[in-house]
Amino acid sequence: MKLITAIIKPFKLEEVRQALTAIGVHGMTVTEVKGYGRQKGHTEIYRGAEYIVNFLPKLRIEIAVGTDLAEKAVEVITAGARTGQIGDGKVFVTPIENAVRIRTGETDNDAL
């Protein structure tokens, strides 16, 4: 089993969600986050004053999938979130040792 964590631009969420649903991913956790990478923030003008915005709004998506589905999930997240511009985000894949569905007690792949 793998935990896939993706940081994407907020307006790309629906496209990524539809692509993941199409390959059989049944659930995800989405968190609003702020951060920066190579993009290093930007400036905005509000009521005539210029402000430097260091942390940009992003979404963090977390999905748990079987090892057999992990590579395909990374591919569809990458394709769905890509704009070709700086700040498109990152995808991280980490192993999951154990998973338990609280309601039924199912474990590992059955819990997903």
N, C-alpha and C. Protein backbone atom coordinates (compact mmCIF):
# COMPACT_ATOMS: atom_id res chain seq x y z
N MET A 1 0.83 -1.17 0.00
CA MET A 1 0.00 0.00 0.00
C MET A 1 0.88 1.24 0.00
N LYS A 2 0.35 2.30 -0.60
CA LYS A 2 1.10 3.56 -0.71
C LYS A 2 0.22 4.72 -0.30
N LEU A 3 0.83 5.73 0.30
CA LEU A 3 0.17 6.99 0.59
C LEU A 3 0.70 8.00 -0.42
N ILE A 4 -0.20 8.56 -1.20
CA ILE A 4 0.19 9.55 -2.20
C ILE A 4 -0.27 10.91 -1.70
N THR A 5 0.68 11.82 -1.57
CA THR A 5 0.40 13.19 -1.13
C THR A 5 0.75 14.11 -2.29
N ALA A 6 -0.21 14.92 -2.70
CA ALA A 6 0.02 15.85 -3.80
C ALA A 6 -0.32 17.26 -3.35
N ILE A 7 0.52 18.21 -3.72
CA ILE A 7 0.27 19.62 -3.50
C ILE A 7 -0.04 20.21 -4.87
N ILE A 8 -1.25 20.76 -5.02
CA ILE A 8 -1.67 21.26 -6.33
C ILE A 8 -2.30 22.64 -6.22
N LYS A 9 -2.50 23.28 -7.36
CA LYS A 9 -3.21 24.56 -7.41
C LYS A 9 -4.69 24.30 -7.15
N PRO A 10 -5.35 25.18 -6.40
CA PRO A 10 -6.74 24.94 -6.00
C PRO A 10 -7.71 24.74 -7.17
N PHE A 11 -7.55 25.46 -8.25
CA PHE A 11 -8.51 25.35 -9.35
C PHE A 11 -8.38 24.04 -10.13
N LYS A 12 -7.38 23.23 -9.83
CA LYS A 12 -7.20 21.95 -10.50
C LYS A 12 -7.81 20.77 -9.75
N LEU A 13 -8.42 21.02 -8.59
CA LEU A 13 -8.93 19.95 -7.75
C LEU A 13 -9.97 19.09 -8.46
N GLU A 14 -10.96 19.69 -9.07
CA GLU A 14 -12.04 18.91 -9.68
C GLU A 14 -11.52 18.03 -10.81
N GLU A 15 -10.61 18.54 -11.60
CA GLU A 15 -10.02 17.76 -12.69
C GLU A 15 -9.26 16.55 -12.16
N VAL A 16 -8.48 16.76 -11.10
CA VAL A 16 -7.73 15.67 -10.49
C VAL A 16 -8.69 14.66 -9.85
N ARG A 17 -9.72 15.13 -9.16
CA ARG A 17 -10.68 14.24 -8.51
C ARG A 17 -11.38 13.35 -9.53
N GLN A 18 -11.81 13.93 -10.65
CA GLN A 18 -12.48 13.14 -11.68
C GLN A 18 -11.55 12.08 -12.28
N ALA A 19 -10.29 12.45 -12.49
CA ALA A 19 -9.32 11.51 -13.06
C ALA A 19 -9.06 10.36 -12.09
N LEU A 20 -8.96 10.64 -10.80
CA LEU A 20 -8.72 9.59 -9.81
C LEU A 20 -9.94 8.67 -9.68
N THR A 21 -11.12 9.25 -9.72
CA THR A 21 -12.34 8.44 -9.66
C THR A 21 -12.42 7.50 -10.86
N ALA A 22 -12.00 7.97 -12.02
CA ALA A 22 -12.05 7.17 -13.24
C ALA A 22 -11.15 5.94 -13.17
N ILE A 23 -10.06 6.00 -12.39
CA ILE A 23 -9.17 4.83 -12.30
C ILE A 23 -9.48 3.96 -11.08
N GLY A 24 -10.51 4.34 -10.30
CA GLY A 24 -10.93 3.49 -9.20
C GLY A 24 -10.50 3.92 -7.82
N VAL A 25 -10.03 5.14 -7.66
CA VAL A 25 -9.70 5.66 -6.33
C VAL A 25 -11.00 6.16 -5.71
N HIS A 26 -11.36 5.61 -4.54
CA HIS A 26 -12.68 5.87 -3.98
C HIS A 26 -12.72 6.97 -2.94
N GLY A 27 -11.61 7.40 -2.41
CA GLY A 27 -11.65 8.43 -1.39
C GLY A 27 -10.38 9.25 -1.37
N MET A 28 -10.50 10.45 -0.83
CA MET A 28 -9.33 11.32 -0.70
C MET A 28 -9.57 12.30 0.43
N THR A 29 -8.50 12.83 0.95
CA THR A 29 -8.55 13.89 1.94
C THR A 29 -7.94 15.13 1.31
N VAL A 30 -8.63 16.26 1.42
CA VAL A 30 -8.16 17.51 0.84
C VAL A 30 -8.04 18.54 1.95
N THR A 31 -6.89 19.19 2.01
CA THR A 31 -6.63 20.20 3.01
C THR A 31 -6.16 21.48 2.32
N GLU A 32 -6.69 22.62 2.75
CA GLU A 32 -6.19 23.89 2.23
C GLU A 32 -4.89 24.22 2.97
N VAL A 33 -3.84 24.49 2.20
CA VAL A 33 -2.54 24.79 2.77
C VAL A 33 -1.96 26.03 2.09
N LYS A 34 -0.90 26.56 2.65
CA LYS A 34 -0.18 27.67 2.04
C LYS A 34 1.29 27.31 2.02
N GLY A 35 1.98 27.75 0.99
CA GLY A 35 3.40 27.47 0.92
C GLY A 35 4.02 28.09 -0.31
N TYR A 36 5.29 27.81 -0.50
CA TYR A 36 5.98 28.29 -1.68
C TYR A 36 7.16 27.37 -1.97
N GLY A 37 7.58 27.39 -3.21
CA GLY A 37 8.76 26.65 -3.65
C GLY A 37 9.57 27.59 -4.51
N ARG A 38 9.84 27.17 -5.72
CA ARG A 38 10.57 28.02 -6.64
C ARG A 38 9.80 29.28 -7.02
N GLN A 39 8.48 29.22 -6.85
CA GLN A 39 7.61 30.33 -7.20
C GLN A 39 7.92 31.56 -6.32
N LYS A 40 8.27 31.34 -5.08
CA LYS A 40 8.69 32.35 -4.12
C LYS A 40 7.67 33.46 -3.89
N GLY A 41 6.40 33.18 -4.03
CA GLY A 41 5.37 34.18 -3.76
C GLY A 41 5.21 35.17 -4.90
N HIS A 42 4.43 36.22 -4.66
CA HIS A 42 4.20 37.25 -5.67
C HIS A 42 3.71 38.51 -4.99
N THR A 43 3.57 39.59 -5.76
CA THR A 43 3.07 40.84 -5.20
C THR A 43 1.63 41.07 -5.67
N GLU A 44 0.84 41.69 -4.80
CA GLU A 44 -0.53 42.04 -5.13
C GLU A 44 -0.75 43.51 -4.77
N ILE A 45 -1.69 44.13 -5.44
CA ILE A 45 -2.04 45.51 -5.13
C ILE A 45 -3.45 45.52 -4.55
N TYR A 46 -3.60 46.11 -3.36
CA TYR A 46 -4.88 46.20 -2.69
C TYR A 46 -5.08 47.64 -2.25
N ARG A 47 -6.13 48.27 -2.77
CA ARG A 47 -6.44 49.67 -2.47
C ARG A 47 -5.24 50.58 -2.69
N GLY A 48 -4.55 50.35 -3.78
CA GLY A 48 -3.44 51.19 -4.17
C GLY A 48 -2.12 50.88 -3.50
N ALA A 49 -2.11 49.98 -2.53
CA ALA A 49 -0.86 49.63 -1.84
C ALA A 49 -0.39 48.26 -2.33
N GLU A 50 0.91 48.13 -2.48
CA GLU A 50 1.48 46.87 -2.96
C GLU A 50 1.86 46.00 -1.77
N TYR A 51 1.46 44.72 -1.83
CA TYR A 51 1.77 43.77 -0.77
C TYR A 51 2.52 42.59 -1.35
N ILE A 52 3.48 42.09 -0.60
CA ILE A 52 4.20 40.89 -1.01
C ILE A 52 3.54 39.69 -0.34
N VAL A 53 3.12 38.72 -1.16
CA VAL A 53 2.49 37.51 -0.66
C VAL A 53 3.53 36.40 -0.75
N ASN A 54 4.06 35.98 0.41
CA ASN A 54 5.12 34.97 0.43
C ASN A 54 4.57 33.56 0.34
N PHE A 55 3.42 33.31 0.94
CA PHE A 55 2.84 31.98 0.96
C PHE A 55 1.62 31.96 0.06
N LEU A 56 1.63 31.06 -0.90
CA LEU A 56 0.55 30.97 -1.88
C LEU A 56 -0.44 29.87 -1.49
N PRO A 57 -1.73 30.07 -1.78
CA PRO A 57 -2.71 29.05 -1.45
C PRO A 57 -2.57 27.82 -2.34
N LYS A 58 -2.57 26.66 -1.74
CA LYS A 58 -2.49 25.38 -2.45
C LYS A 58 -3.45 24.41 -1.79
N LEU A 59 -3.62 23.26 -2.41
CA LEU A 59 -4.39 22.17 -1.81
C LEU A 59 -3.48 20.97 -1.64
N ARG A 60 -3.64 20.30 -0.51
CA ARG A 60 -2.90 19.06 -0.25
C ARG A 60 -3.89 17.92 -0.35
N ILE A 61 -3.65 17.02 -1.27
CA ILE A 61 -4.50 15.85 -1.47
C ILE A 61 -3.76 14.63 -0.95
N GLU A 62 -4.45 13.81 -0.16
CA GLU A 62 -3.86 12.57 0.33
C GLU A 62 -4.79 11.42 -0.05
N ILE A 63 -4.21 10.40 -0.68
CA ILE A 63 -4.96 9.20 -1.02
C ILE A 63 -4.13 7.98 -0.65
N ALA A 64 -4.82 6.95 -0.19
CA ALA A 64 -4.17 5.67 0.12
C ALA A 64 -4.64 4.69 -0.95
N VAL A 65 -3.68 4.04 -1.61
CA VAL A 65 -4.00 3.11 -2.69
C VAL A 65 -3.15 1.85 -2.54
N GLY A 66 -3.59 0.79 -3.21
CA GLY A 66 -2.78 -0.42 -3.28
C GLY A 66 -1.53 -0.15 -4.12
N THR A 67 -0.50 -0.91 -3.88
CA THR A 67 0.76 -0.73 -4.59
C THR A 67 0.57 -0.83 -6.10
N ASP A 68 -0.34 -1.70 -6.55
CA ASP A 68 -0.57 -1.88 -7.97
C ASP A 68 -1.19 -0.64 -8.64
N LEU A 69 -1.88 0.19 -7.87
CA LEU A 69 -2.56 1.36 -8.42
C LEU A 69 -1.75 2.65 -8.25
N ALA A 70 -0.68 2.61 -7.47
CA ALA A 70 0.06 3.82 -7.11
C ALA A 70 0.65 4.54 -8.31
N GLU A 71 1.30 3.82 -9.19
CA GLU A 71 1.94 4.45 -10.35
C GLU A 71 0.91 5.14 -11.24
N LYS A 72 -0.22 4.48 -11.49
CA LYS A 72 -1.27 5.06 -12.32
C LYS A 72 -1.86 6.30 -11.65
N ALA A 73 -2.04 6.25 -10.33
CA ALA A 73 -2.57 7.40 -9.59
C ALA A 73 -1.65 8.60 -9.71
N VAL A 74 -0.35 8.38 -9.59
CA VAL A 74 0.62 9.47 -9.75
C VAL A 74 0.53 10.06 -11.16
N GLU A 75 0.40 9.21 -12.16
CA GLU A 75 0.29 9.68 -13.54
C GLU A 75 -0.94 10.56 -13.75
N VAL A 76 -2.10 10.14 -13.24
CA VAL A 76 -3.31 10.93 -13.47
C VAL A 76 -3.31 12.22 -12.65
N ILE A 77 -2.72 12.20 -11.46
CA ILE A 77 -2.60 13.43 -10.67
C ILE A 77 -1.70 14.42 -11.41
N THR A 78 -0.58 13.93 -11.89
CA THR A 78 0.37 14.78 -12.60
C THR A 78 -0.27 15.37 -13.85
N ALA A 79 -0.97 14.55 -14.63
CA ALA A 79 -1.60 15.04 -15.86
C ALA A 79 -2.73 16.02 -15.55
N GLY A 80 -3.53 15.72 -14.52
CA GLY A 80 -4.66 16.57 -14.19
C GLY A 80 -4.28 17.90 -13.57
N ALA A 81 -3.17 17.94 -12.86
CA ALA A 81 -2.76 19.16 -12.15
C ALA A 81 -1.82 20.04 -12.98
N ARG A 82 -1.31 19.53 -14.07
CA ARG A 82 -0.30 20.26 -14.84
C ARG A 82 -0.92 21.44 -15.60
N THR A 83 -0.31 22.63 -15.44
CA THR A 83 -0.66 23.80 -16.25
C THR A 83 0.52 24.19 -17.13
N GLY A 84 1.70 23.69 -16.78
CA GLY A 84 2.90 24.07 -17.52
C GLY A 84 3.56 25.32 -16.95
N GLN A 85 2.97 25.87 -15.91
CA GLN A 85 3.51 27.08 -15.29
C GLN A 85 4.22 26.72 -13.98
N ILE A 86 5.09 27.61 -13.55
CA ILE A 86 5.76 27.40 -12.28
C ILE A 86 4.71 27.37 -11.16
N GLY A 87 4.90 26.51 -10.16
CA GLY A 87 3.97 26.41 -9.05
C GLY A 87 2.90 25.35 -9.22
N ASP A 88 3.06 24.45 -10.20
CA ASP A 88 2.06 23.40 -10.41
C ASP A 88 1.99 22.43 -9.24
N GLY A 89 3.07 22.26 -8.49
CA GLY A 89 3.02 21.43 -7.29
C GLY A 89 3.96 20.25 -7.32
N LYS A 90 3.74 19.33 -6.39
CA LYS A 90 4.59 18.15 -6.24
C LYS A 90 3.71 16.96 -5.86
N VAL A 91 4.24 15.76 -6.10
CA VAL A 91 3.60 14.52 -5.68
C VAL A 91 4.63 13.70 -4.91
N PHE A 92 4.24 13.22 -3.74
CA PHE A 92 5.11 12.39 -2.91
C PHE A 92 4.45 11.04 -2.69
N VAL A 93 5.22 9.97 -2.75
CA VAL A 93 4.70 8.62 -2.54
C VAL A 93 5.48 8.00 -1.39
N THR A 94 4.74 7.53 -0.36
CA THR A 94 5.36 6.90 0.79
C THR A 94 4.68 5.56 1.08
N PRO A 95 5.42 4.60 1.62
CA PRO A 95 4.80 3.30 1.92
C PRO A 95 3.90 3.38 3.16
N ILE A 96 2.88 2.55 3.17
CA ILE A 96 2.00 2.40 4.33
C ILE A 96 2.24 1.00 4.89
N GLU A 97 2.57 0.92 6.16
CA GLU A 97 2.81 -0.39 6.78
C GLU A 97 1.53 -1.12 7.07
N ASN A 98 0.52 -0.39 7.56
CA ASN A 98 -0.69 -1.04 8.03
C ASN A 98 -1.85 -0.06 7.90
N ALA A 99 -3.04 -0.57 7.61
CA ALA A 99 -4.26 0.24 7.58
C ALA A 99 -5.39 -0.56 8.19
N VAL A 100 -6.24 0.12 8.94
CA VAL A 100 -7.39 -0.53 9.58
C VAL A 100 -8.62 0.35 9.36
N ARG A 101 -9.70 -0.27 8.87
CA ARG A 101 -10.98 0.44 8.79
C ARG A 101 -11.62 0.33 10.17
N ILE A 102 -11.84 1.45 10.80
CA ILE A 102 -12.32 1.47 12.18
C ILE A 102 -13.68 0.79 12.32
N ARG A 103 -14.60 1.07 11.41
CA ARG A 103 -15.96 0.54 11.53
C ARG A 103 -16.02 -0.98 11.51
N THR A 104 -15.26 -1.61 10.60
CA THR A 104 -15.38 -3.06 10.41
C THR A 104 -14.19 -3.85 10.93
N GLY A 105 -13.07 -3.18 11.17
CA GLY A 105 -11.88 -3.89 11.59
C GLY A 105 -11.09 -4.49 10.43
N GLU A 106 -11.53 -4.26 9.18
CA GLU A 106 -10.78 -4.76 8.04
C GLU A 106 -9.39 -4.15 8.04
N THR A 107 -8.42 -4.91 7.50
CA THR A 107 -7.05 -4.43 7.53
C THR A 107 -6.45 -4.38 6.13
N ASP A 108 -5.38 -3.63 6.02
CA ASP A 108 -4.56 -3.49 4.82
C ASP A 108 -5.38 -3.15 3.58
N ASN A 109 -5.22 -3.85 2.47
CA ASN A 109 -5.92 -3.49 1.22
C ASN A 109 -7.43 -3.54 1.37
N ASP A 110 -7.95 -4.44 2.20
CA ASP A 110 -9.40 -4.50 2.42
C ASP A 110 -9.92 -3.22 3.09
N ALA A 111 -9.07 -2.56 3.85
CA ALA A 111 -9.46 -1.34 4.54
C ALA A 111 -9.51 -0.13 3.63
N LEU A 112 -8.86 -0.25 2.47
CA LEU A 112 -8.85 0.87 1.54
C LEU A 112 -10.16 0.92 0.79
